[in-house]
Every structure is written in C-alpha cells, then in structure tokens.
Amino acid sequence: MATFAKLDENNIVLEVLVVNDSDVINPSTQQEDEEYCITNTLIPQMGWSSWKQTSANTRGGVHYDPNTNVPSDDQSKALRANYPGIGDLYDSSNNIFIRGSKSFPSWSLNTTTGFYEAPVPSPGAEYQIDGEYIFPQWDDDNTRWLGKKDSKVDDSAEYVWNTGTNSWDSL
C-alpha cells in the first residue's frame, strides 16, 4: 500500500490516503505517485492539487520493518522523516513532515528526525531515585530539565538534570 498526505494551502496535513499499489502509476517515482493522487483521488472533482507521498513505517527519520518494528536494513525507504497525522506540518524547505509543534521558544527543529528538540538532550523517564521514576519537565527560562517523583505537572520540582554527570541532582 502507498500512502499520501493531503495538504492545505499552509502545508498542514488534512488527511492521509492509502492507495493500492496496483493503482499507483509508478511506485518507484514519487512525483508520478503524487500526480496519481492529484488526478485520481476519491473525490477527483475537488481537483485537490497538494499531495505528498509518505511512509507508514517511517518515524524520526528512520524506516522500520513493519513486521519486526526494528530499523530496516534498507534505509532508502525512509521517506520525509515521519508518517504524518492530521494537523502535522509538511516543511517544503526540508522535504519532511514535522510531528507535533514547537513546545518552547528555545527548542529547534531537527531536520533529520522532523521533531522539535530541547537545547539540552532529554534525560528520558527511565531514571529512578529511591525506586521511584523521575518525571522530567522542561524549564525554558533556565534552559534545563527539572524532575520530580510525582507525575503531576506543577511547580514542585525536586531535582535538576546534571548534563556533566548524566544524573539528577537535588535542588
């Protein structure tokens, strides 16, 4: 199956259409595939002109084997960084689909993964203190990660991420 994202005039994804491989003009040529969607959509009388091919098995710039969910041996199948959802943005300058929105002013777009990233790598949620997981929260004013044992979002941070030691320090 081939998949295509329908874009509005601002390159926002309106829907994702699945097309039978047998209906695609030339599966090896994206432009012709996109041309197929323009002229042969489910509602051709609308004359929708903005379609971009995507891959249901691509996320974060990596193509995954659909049967094993591990990175494919053939990364040439990775297409436009991400499989988009409705409301996601197609970035025509970088030819990628951007998942989500920019959460904080200090974050920047990684044009390989199609995700916005903090200027300090996230510590993730696998860290524990006294057998309890630490839930990271971004502090944009101080460009750092704060953490606490309680997953509720409030101002009761107990720890700060130390990038030098890759560990949580008490505040």
C-alpha atoms as a PDB file:
ATOM      1  CA  MET A   1       0.000   0.000   0.000  1.00  0.00           C
ATOM      2  CA  ALA A   2       1.136   3.522  -0.762  1.00  0.00           C
ATOM      3  CA  THR A   3       0.211   6.432   1.490  1.00  0.00           C
ATOM      4  CA  PHE A   4      -0.215  10.105   0.666  1.00  0.00           C
ATOM      5  CA  ALA A   5      -0.837  13.175   2.805  1.00  0.00           C
ATOM      6  CA  LYS A   6      -3.348  15.744   1.569  1.00  0.00           C
ATOM      7  CA  LEU A   7      -2.095  19.268   2.351  1.00  0.00           C
ATOM      8  CA  ASP A   8      -3.895  22.576   2.665  1.00  0.00           C
ATOM      9  CA  GLU A   9      -2.516  25.901   1.353  1.00  0.00           C
ATOM     10  CA  ASN A  10      -0.346  26.211   4.502  1.00  0.00           C
ATOM     11  CA  ASN A  11       1.066  22.665   4.151  1.00  0.00           C
ATOM     12  CA  ILE A  12      -0.992  21.377   7.080  1.00  0.00           C
ATOM     13  CA  VAL A  13      -1.986  17.707   6.750  1.00  0.00           C
ATOM     14  CA  LEU A  14      -5.738  17.393   6.224  1.00  0.00           C
ATOM     15  CA  GLU A  15      -5.889  13.626   5.768  1.00  0.00           C
ATOM     16  CA  VAL A  16      -3.774  10.628   4.886  1.00  0.00           C
ATOM     17  CA  LEU A  17      -4.949   8.494   1.990  1.00  0.00           C
ATOM     18  CA  VAL A  18      -3.998   4.850   1.450  1.00  0.00           C
ATOM     19  CA  VAL A  19      -3.808   3.798  -2.205  1.00  0.00           C
ATOM     20  CA  ASN A  20      -3.453   0.278  -3.578  1.00  0.00           C
ATOM     21  CA  ASP A  21      -0.001  -0.281  -5.036  1.00  0.00           C
ATOM     22  CA  SER A  22      -1.625  -1.509  -8.244  1.00  0.00           C
ATOM     23  CA  ASP A  23      -3.307   1.899  -8.639  1.00  0.00           C
ATOM     24  CA  VAL A  24      -0.097   3.889  -8.404  1.00  0.00           C
ATOM     25  CA  ILE A  25       1.307   4.874 -11.786  1.00  0.00           C
ATOM     26  CA  ASN A  26       4.921   4.034 -10.971  1.00  0.00           C
ATOM     27  CA  PRO A  27       5.720   3.031  -7.378  1.00  0.00           C
ATOM     28  CA  SER A  28       9.388   3.942  -7.827  1.00  0.00           C
ATOM     29  CA  THR A  29       8.673   7.554  -8.841  1.00  0.00           C
ATOM     30  CA  GLN A  30       7.250   9.758  -6.105  1.00  0.00           C
ATOM     31  CA  GLN A  31       6.286  12.580  -8.438  1.00  0.00           C
ATOM     32  CA  GLU A  32       4.142  10.309 -10.554  1.00  0.00           C
ATOM     33  CA  ASP A  33       2.644   8.789  -7.396  1.00  0.00           C
ATOM     34  CA  GLU A  34       1.707  12.246  -6.179  1.00  0.00           C
ATOM     35  CA  GLU A  35       0.336  13.069  -9.629  1.00  0.00           C
ATOM     36  CA  TYR A  36      -1.883  10.000  -9.318  1.00  0.00           C
ATOM     37  CA  CYS A  37      -3.410  11.369  -6.121  1.00  0.00           C
ATOM     38  CA  ILE A  38      -3.991  14.762  -7.691  1.00  0.00           C
ATOM     39  CA  THR A  39      -5.908  13.305 -10.628  1.00  0.00           C
ATOM     40  CA  ASN A  40      -7.433  10.138  -9.160  1.00  0.00           C
ATOM     41  CA  THR A  41      -8.426  10.835  -5.554  1.00  0.00           C
ATOM     42  CA  LEU A  42     -11.624   9.522  -4.055  1.00  0.00           C
ATOM     43  CA  ILE A  43     -13.201  12.879  -4.912  1.00  0.00           C
ATOM     44  CA  PRO A  44     -11.481  13.920  -8.155  1.00  0.00           C
ATOM     45  CA  GLN A  45     -13.975  16.685  -8.900  1.00  0.00           C
ATOM     46  CA  MET A  46     -12.455  18.672  -5.995  1.00  0.00           C
ATOM     47  CA  GLY A  47      -9.264  18.929  -8.037  1.00  0.00           C
ATOM     48  CA  TRP A  48      -7.073  18.819  -4.941  1.00  0.00           C
ATOM     49  CA  SER A  49      -3.546  19.650  -6.022  1.00  0.00           C
ATOM     50  CA  SER A  50      -1.342  19.254  -2.979  1.00  0.00           C
ATOM     51  CA  TRP A  51      -0.345  15.705  -2.047  1.00  0.00           C
ATOM     52  CA  LYS A  52       2.920  14.321  -0.676  1.00  0.00           C
ATOM     53  CA  GLN A  53       3.803  10.667  -0.512  1.00  0.00           C
ATOM     54  CA  THR A  54       4.697   9.345   2.926  1.00  0.00           C
ATOM     55  CA  SER A  55       5.690   6.072   4.548  1.00  0.00           C
ATOM     56  CA  ALA A  56       3.645   4.484   7.324  1.00  0.00           C
ATOM     57  CA  ASN A  57       6.833   2.839   8.564  1.00  0.00           C
ATOM     58  CA  THR A  58       8.975   5.978   8.897  1.00  0.00           C
ATOM     59  CA  ARG A  59       9.362   7.904  12.128  1.00  0.00           C
ATOM     60  CA  GLY A  60      12.138  10.115  13.389  1.00  0.00           C
ATOM     61  CA  GLY A  61      13.920   9.824  10.043  1.00  0.00           C
ATOM     62  CA  VAL A  62      14.226   6.036  10.340  1.00  0.00           C
ATOM     63  CA  HIS A  63      12.364   3.382   8.350  1.00  0.00           C
ATOM     64  CA  TYR A  64      11.178   0.430  10.447  1.00  0.00           C
ATOM     65  CA  ASP A  65      10.441  -3.090   9.263  1.00  0.00           C
ATOM     66  CA  PRO A  66       6.641  -3.398   9.546  1.00  0.00           C
ATOM     67  CA  ASN A  67       6.875  -6.998  10.791  1.00  0.00           C
ATOM     68  CA  THR A  68       9.527  -6.583  13.474  1.00  0.00           C
ATOM     69  CA  ASN A  69       9.409  -2.851  14.306  1.00  0.00           C
ATOM     70  CA  VAL A  70      13.209  -2.663  14.184  1.00  0.00           C
ATOM     71  CA  PRO A  71      15.095  -0.362  11.825  1.00  0.00           C
ATOM     72  CA  SER A  72      15.048  -1.708   8.265  1.00  0.00           C
ATOM     73  CA  ASP A  73      18.223  -2.811   6.551  1.00  0.00           C
ATOM     74  CA  ASP A  74      17.229  -0.576   3.628  1.00  0.00           C
ATOM     75  CA  GLN A  75      17.030   2.990   4.969  1.00  0.00           C
ATOM     76  CA  SER A  76      16.375   4.323   1.460  1.00  0.00           C
ATOM     77  CA  LYS A  77      12.722   3.541   2.290  1.00  0.00           C
ATOM     78  CA  ALA A  78      12.688   6.276   4.960  1.00  0.00           C
ATOM     79  CA  LEU A  79      10.504   8.996   3.474  1.00  0.00           C
ATOM     80  CA  ARG A  80      10.142  12.598   4.641  1.00  0.00           C
ATOM     81  CA  ALA A  81      11.193  11.943   8.263  1.00  0.00           C
ATOM     82  CA  ASN A  82       7.763  10.941   9.641  1.00  0.00           C
ATOM     83  CA  TYR A  83       4.423   9.406   8.856  1.00  0.00           C
ATOM     84  CA  PRO A  84       2.182  12.429   9.412  1.00  0.00           C
ATOM     85  CA  GLY A  85      -1.013  12.761  11.338  1.00  0.00           C
ATOM     86  CA  ILE A  86      -3.843  15.186  10.706  1.00  0.00           C
ATOM     87  CA  GLY A  87      -2.700  18.667  11.717  1.00  0.00           C
ATOM     88  CA  ASP A  88       1.009  17.962  11.237  1.00  0.00           C
ATOM     89  CA  LEU A  89       3.074  20.243   9.020  1.00  0.00           C
ATOM     90  CA  TYR A  90       4.881  19.477   5.780  1.00  0.00           C
ATOM     91  CA  ASP A  91       8.097  21.521   5.657  1.00  0.00           C
ATOM     92  CA  SER A  92       8.737  22.033   1.947  1.00  0.00           C
ATOM     93  CA  SER A  93      12.173  23.594   2.530  1.00  0.00           C
ATOM     94  CA  ASN A  94      13.442  20.422   4.196  1.00  0.00           C
ATOM     95  CA  ASN A  95      11.045  17.976   2.464  1.00  0.00           C
ATOM     96  CA  ILE A  96       9.932  16.498   5.804  1.00  0.00           C
ATOM     97  CA  PHE A  97       6.785  16.046   7.848  1.00  0.00           C
ATOM     98  CA  ILE A  98       7.082  17.693  11.263  1.00  0.00           C
ATOM     99  CA  ARG A  99       5.356  15.813  14.069  1.00  0.00           C
ATOM    100  CA  GLY A 100       3.883  17.995  16.785  1.00  0.00           C
ATOM    101  CA  SER A 101       4.524  21.649  17.390  1.00  0.00           C
ATOM    102  CA  LYS A 102       7.309  23.700  18.890  1.00  0.00           C
ATOM    103  CA  SER A 103       6.767  23.322  22.630  1.00  0.00           C
ATOM    104  CA  PHE A 104       9.099  26.067  23.843  1.00  0.00           C
ATOM    105  CA  PRO A 105      10.848  29.076  22.264  1.00  0.00           C
ATOM    106  CA  SER A 106      14.312  27.619  22.942  1.00  0.00           C
ATOM    107  CA  TRP A 107      13.606  24.369  21.080  1.00  0.00           C
ATOM    108  CA  SER A 108      14.743  23.912  17.484  1.00  0.00           C
ATOM    109  CA  LEU A 109      13.714  21.675  14.622  1.00  0.00           C
ATOM    110  CA  ASN A 110      15.870  18.642  13.905  1.00  0.00           C
ATOM    111  CA  THR A 111      15.515  18.369  10.124  1.00  0.00           C
ATOM    112  CA  THR A 112      16.629  14.725  10.153  1.00  0.00           C
ATOM    113  CA  THR A 113      14.051  13.465  12.651  1.00  0.00           C
ATOM    114  CA  GLY A 114      11.278  16.001  11.986  1.00  0.00           C
ATOM    115  CA  PHE A 115      10.893  16.651  15.737  1.00  0.00           C
ATOM    116  CA  TYR A 116      11.492  19.762  17.822  1.00  0.00           C
ATOM    117  CA  GLU A 117      14.229  19.243  20.398  1.00  0.00           C
ATOM    118  CA  ALA A 118      15.349  20.981  23.557  1.00  0.00           C
ATOM    119  CA  PRO A 119      18.816  22.569  23.526  1.00  0.00           C
ATOM    120  CA  VAL A 120      19.714  20.067  26.286  1.00  0.00           C
ATOM    121  CA  PRO A 121      19.022  16.401  25.486  1.00  0.00           C
ATOM    122  CA  SER A 122      16.157  14.918  27.462  1.00  0.00           C
ATOM    123  CA  PRO A 123      17.167  12.620  30.303  1.00  0.00           C
ATOM    124  CA  GLY A 124      14.215  10.366  29.483  1.00  0.00           C
ATOM    125  CA  ALA A 125      11.941   8.731  32.002  1.00  0.00           C
ATOM    126  CA  GLU A 126      13.990   5.662  32.826  1.00  0.00           C
ATOM    127  CA  TYR A 127      15.770   7.220  35.817  1.00  0.00           C
ATOM    128  CA  GLN A 128      14.756   6.272  39.332  1.00  0.00           C
ATOM    129  CA  ILE A 129      15.593   7.629  42.767  1.00  0.00           C
ATOM    130  CA  ASP A 130      14.665   5.519  45.791  1.00  0.00           C
ATOM    131  CA  GLY A 131      12.786   3.158  43.457  1.00  0.00           C
ATOM    132  CA  GLU A 132      10.558   5.924  42.048  1.00  0.00           C
ATOM    133  CA  TYR A 133      10.699   7.224  38.496  1.00  0.00           C
ATOM    134  CA  ILE A 134      11.684  10.823  37.925  1.00  0.00           C
ATOM    135  CA  PHE A 135       9.381  12.714  35.556  1.00  0.00           C
ATOM    136  CA  PRO A 136      11.270  15.366  33.563  1.00  0.00           C
ATOM    137  CA  GLN A 137       9.804  18.806  32.826  1.00  0.00           C
ATOM    138  CA  TRP A 138      11.455  21.437  30.643  1.00  0.00           C
ATOM    139  CA  ASP A 139      12.351  24.767  32.308  1.00  0.00           C
ATOM    140  CA  ASP A 140      12.583  27.126  29.329  1.00  0.00           C
ATOM    141  CA  ASP A 141      13.526  30.175  31.435  1.00  0.00           C
ATOM    142  CA  ASN A 142      16.718  28.447  32.563  1.00  0.00           C
ATOM    143  CA  THR A 143      17.092  26.019  29.607  1.00  0.00           C
ATOM    144  CA  ARG A 144      17.328  22.942  31.793  1.00  0.00           C
ATOM    145  CA  TRP A 145      15.436  19.827  32.773  1.00  0.00           C
ATOM    146  CA  LEU A 146      13.762  19.682  36.157  1.00  0.00           C
ATOM    147  CA  GLY A 147      12.373  16.498  37.619  1.00  0.00           C
ATOM    148  CA  LYS A 148      10.170  15.189  40.370  1.00  0.00           C
ATOM    149  CA  LYS A 149       8.897  11.873  41.597  1.00  0.00           C
ATOM    150  CA  ASP A 150       5.242  12.860  41.271  1.00  0.00           C
ATOM    151  CA  SER A 151       3.987  12.803  37.659  1.00  0.00           C
ATOM    152  CA  LYS A 152       1.542  15.689  38.211  1.00  0.00           C
ATOM    153  CA  VAL A 153       2.531  18.883  36.409  1.00  0.00           C
ATOM    154  CA  ASP A 154       3.111  21.619  38.972  1.00  0.00           C
ATOM    155  CA  ASP A 155       5.973  23.723  40.345  1.00  0.00           C
ATOM    156  CA  SER A 156       7.232  21.215  42.918  1.00  0.00           C
ATOM    157  CA  ALA A 157      10.394  20.130  41.113  1.00  0.00           C
ATOM    158  CA  GLU A 158      12.804  18.277  43.361  1.00  0.00           C
ATOM    159  CA  TYR A 159      15.726  17.653  41.032  1.00  0.00           C
ATOM    160  CA  VAL A 160      17.725  19.256  38.231  1.00  0.00           C
ATOM    161  CA  TRP A 161      19.357  17.258  35.423  1.00  0.00           C
ATOM    162  CA  ASN A 162      23.154  17.449  35.549  1.00  0.00           C
ATOM    163  CA  THR A 163      24.421  17.087  31.980  1.00  0.00           C
ATOM    164  CA  GLY A 164      28.010  16.658  33.191  1.00  0.00           C
ATOM    165  CA  THR A 165      27.240  13.530  35.215  1.00  0.00           C
ATOM    166  CA  ASN A 166      24.053  12.414  33.412  1.00  0.00           C
ATOM    167  CA  SER A 167      22.246  12.210  36.719  1.00  0.00           C
ATOM    168  CA  TRP A 168      19.616  14.006  38.759  1.00  0.00           C
ATOM    169  CA  ASP A 169      20.866  16.378  41.488  1.00  0.00           C
ATOM    170  CA  SER A 170      18.674  17.568  44.370  1.00  0.00           C
ATOM    171  CA  LEU A 171      17.554  21.177  44.154  1.00  0.00           C
END
